[in-house]
C-alpha atoms as a PDB file:
ATOM      1  CA  MET A   1     109.085  89.989  75.983  1.00  0.00           C
ATOM      2  CA  THR A   2     105.773  90.984  75.709  1.00  0.00           C
ATOM      3  CA  VAL A   3     104.728  88.960  78.829  1.00  0.00           C
ATOM      4  CA  PHE A   4     107.405  90.207  80.769  1.00  0.00           C
ATOM      5  CA  ILE A   5     106.086  93.250  80.043  1.00  0.00           C
ATOM      6  CA  THR A   6     102.631  92.791  81.001  1.00  0.00           C
ATOM      7  CA  VAL A   7     103.833  91.330  84.281  1.00  0.00           C
ATOM      8  CA  ILE A   8     105.841  94.321  84.969  1.00  0.00           C
ATOM      9  CA  VAL A   9     103.000  96.833  84.165  1.00  0.00           C
ATOM     10  CA  GLY A  10     100.400  94.446  86.138  1.00  0.00           C
ATOM     11  CA  VAL A  11     102.763  94.565  89.338  1.00  0.00           C
ATOM     12  CA  LEU A  12     103.507  98.474  88.746  1.00  0.00           C
ATOM     13  CA  ILE A  13      99.370  98.864  88.575  1.00  0.00           C
ATOM     14  CA  PHE A  14      98.615  96.551  91.635  1.00  0.00           C
ATOM     15  CA  SER A  15     101.318  98.241  93.707  1.00  0.00           C
ATOM     16  CA  ILE A  16     100.005 101.800  93.027  1.00  0.00           C
ATOM     17  CA  SER A  17      96.603 100.769  93.495  1.00  0.00           C
ATOM     18  CA  GLN A  18      97.841  99.601  97.118  1.00  0.00           C
ATOM     19  CA  TYR A  19      99.303 102.798  97.856  1.00  0.00           C
ATOM     20  CA  VAL A  20      96.333 104.687  97.170  1.00  0.00           C
ATOM     21  CA  LEU A  21      94.368 102.508  98.909  1.00  0.00           C
ATOM     22  CA  GLU A  22      96.738 102.551 102.080  1.00  0.00           C
ATOM     23  CA  PHE A  23      97.726 106.455 102.086  1.00  0.00           C
ATOM     24  CA  VAL A  24      94.879 108.150 100.666  1.00  0.00           C
ATOM     25  CA  ILE A  25      91.412 105.894 100.716  1.00  0.00           C
ATOM     26  CA  LYS A  26      91.589 104.228 104.381  1.00  0.00           C
ATOM     27  CA  PRO A  27      92.476 107.618 106.126  1.00  0.00           C
ATOM     28  CA  ARG A  28      89.858 109.156 104.763  1.00  0.00           C
ATOM     29  CA  ILE A  29      87.476 106.839 105.490  1.00  0.00           C
ATOM     30  CA  ARG A  30      88.733 106.719 109.292  1.00  0.00           C
ATOM     31  CA  VAL A  31      88.543 110.261 109.455  1.00  0.00           C
ATOM     32  CA  ASN A  32      84.994 110.082 108.138  1.00  0.00           C
ATOM     33  CA  ASN A  33      84.494 107.295 110.663  1.00  0.00           C
ATOM     34  CA  SER A  34      85.726 109.930 113.444  1.00  0.00           C
ATOM     35  CA  TYR A  35      83.485 112.593 112.204  1.00  0.00           C
ATOM     36  CA  MET A  36      80.650 109.820 112.726  1.00  0.00           C
ATOM     37  CA  ILE A  37      81.516 109.102 116.350  1.00  0.00           C
ATOM     38  CA  LEU A  38      82.113 112.841 117.153  1.00  0.00           C
ATOM     39  CA  SER A  39      78.731 113.537 115.774  1.00  0.00           C
ATOM     40  CA  GLN A  40      77.183 110.492 117.606  1.00  0.00           C
ATOM     41  CA  LYS A  41      78.315 112.154 120.936  1.00  0.00           C
ATOM     42  CA  PHE A  42      77.225 115.394 120.351  1.00  0.00           C
ATOM     43  CA  LEU A  43      73.490 114.174 118.981  1.00  0.00           C
ATOM     44  CA  LEU A  44      73.432 112.274 122.571  1.00  0.00           C
ATOM     45  CA  TYR A  45      74.496 114.750 124.702  1.00  0.00           C
ATOM     46  CA  GLN A  46      72.791 117.123 122.980  1.00  0.00           C
ATOM     47  CA  SER A  47      70.336 118.292 125.525  1.00  0.00           C
ATOM     48  CA  LYS A  48      72.974 118.118 128.083  1.00  0.00           C
ATOM     49  CA  ILE A  49      75.608 120.550 126.133  1.00  0.00           C
ATOM     50  CA  THR A  50      72.658 122.893 125.797  1.00  0.00           C
ATOM     51  CA  ASN A  51      72.217 123.198 129.438  1.00  0.00           C
ATOM     52  CA  TYR A  52      75.864 123.184 130.565  1.00  0.00           C
ATOM     53  CA  ASN A  53      75.344 119.777 132.192  1.00  0.00           C
ATOM     54  CA  LEU A  54      77.996 117.920 130.980  1.00  0.00           C
ATOM     55  CA  SER A  55      79.915 115.464 133.373  1.00  0.00           C
ATOM     56  CA  GLN A  56      83.784 115.073 133.431  1.00  0.00           C
ATOM     57  CA  GLU A  57      83.352 111.334 131.372  1.00  0.00           C
ATOM     58  CA  GLN A  58      81.187 112.993 128.763  1.00  0.00           C
ATOM     59  CA  VAL A  59      83.484 115.526 128.146  1.00  0.00           C
ATOM     60  CA  LYS A  60      86.670 113.550 128.060  1.00  0.00           C
ATOM     61  CA  GLU A  61      84.326 111.337 125.352  1.00  0.00           C
ATOM     62  CA  ILE A  62      83.774 114.057 123.395  1.00  0.00           C
ATOM     63  CA  ARG A  63      87.394 115.217 123.315  1.00  0.00           C
ATOM     64  CA  SER A  64      88.566 111.841 123.040  1.00  0.00           C
ATOM     65  CA  ALA A  65      86.583 112.095 119.292  1.00  0.00           C
ATOM     66  CA  SER A  66      87.541 115.068 118.206  1.00  0.00           C
ATOM     67  CA  THR A  67      91.502 114.302 119.157  1.00  0.00           C
ATOM     68  CA  GLU A  68      91.052 110.916 117.098  1.00  0.00           C
ATOM     69  CA  ILE A  69      90.404 113.304 113.873  1.00  0.00           C
ATOM     70  CA  LEU A  70      93.286 115.726 114.713  1.00  0.00           C
ATOM     71  CA  ALA A  71      95.519 112.673 115.204  1.00  0.00           C
ATOM     72  CA  ILE A  72      94.626 111.371 111.590  1.00  0.00           C
ATOM     73  CA  THR A  73      94.742 114.244 109.664  1.00  0.00           C
ATOM     74  CA  TYR A  74      98.457 115.034 111.223  1.00  0.00           C
ATOM     75  CA  SER A  75      99.826 111.348 111.167  1.00  0.00           C
ATOM     76  CA  TYR A  76      98.668 111.163 107.103  1.00  0.00           C
ATOM     77  CA  TRP A  77     100.866 114.493 106.410  1.00  0.00           C
ATOM     78  CA  PHE A  78     100.615 114.165 102.571  1.00  0.00           C
ATOM     79  CA  THR A  79      97.051 113.126 102.155  1.00  0.00           C
ATOM     80  CA  PHE A  80      95.401 116.093 103.861  1.00  0.00           C
ATOM     81  CA  ASN A  81      95.760 119.739 102.602  1.00  0.00           C
ATOM     82  CA  LYS A  82      96.441 122.766 105.061  1.00  0.00           C
ATOM     83  CA  LYS A  83      92.579 123.513 105.351  1.00  0.00           C
ATOM     84  CA  GLU A  84      91.372 120.398 106.509  1.00  0.00           C
ATOM     85  CA  LYS A  85      94.316 120.421 109.084  1.00  0.00           C
ATOM     86  CA  LYS A  86      93.362 123.426 110.135  1.00  0.00           C
ATOM     87  CA  GLU A  87      89.707 122.660 110.621  1.00  0.00           C
ATOM     88  CA  ALA A  88      90.490 119.384 112.530  1.00  0.00           C
ATOM     89  CA  LEU A  89      92.830 121.908 114.865  1.00  0.00           C
ATOM     90  CA  SER A  90      90.119 124.055 115.640  1.00  0.00           C
ATOM     91  CA  LEU A  91      87.490 121.659 116.178  1.00  0.00           C
ATOM     92  CA  ASN A  92      89.900 119.766 118.615  1.00  0.00           C
ATOM     93  CA  GLN A  93      90.574 123.175 120.392  1.00  0.00           C
ATOM     94  CA  SER A  94      86.878 124.188 120.852  1.00  0.00           C
END
């Protein structure tokens, strides 16, 4: 009986850890990577942004990076709180 309980508890702990990994940790990593890409785009085009000299392709790249952040935060609705979603939305609208 003790072996059975040990196995059930082990499977339960493994299942919970996989749930946390897939629905809490991985979305956070994806958002952080998206923030990194957006930051890289801003730094790459910094001089063009300040001189109002961006091409349409560069604007699309920046908008795509910010839209990815918005998509991730809204696709995992239970992982991100309202403040984080609001920040992602305001980032995408600017």
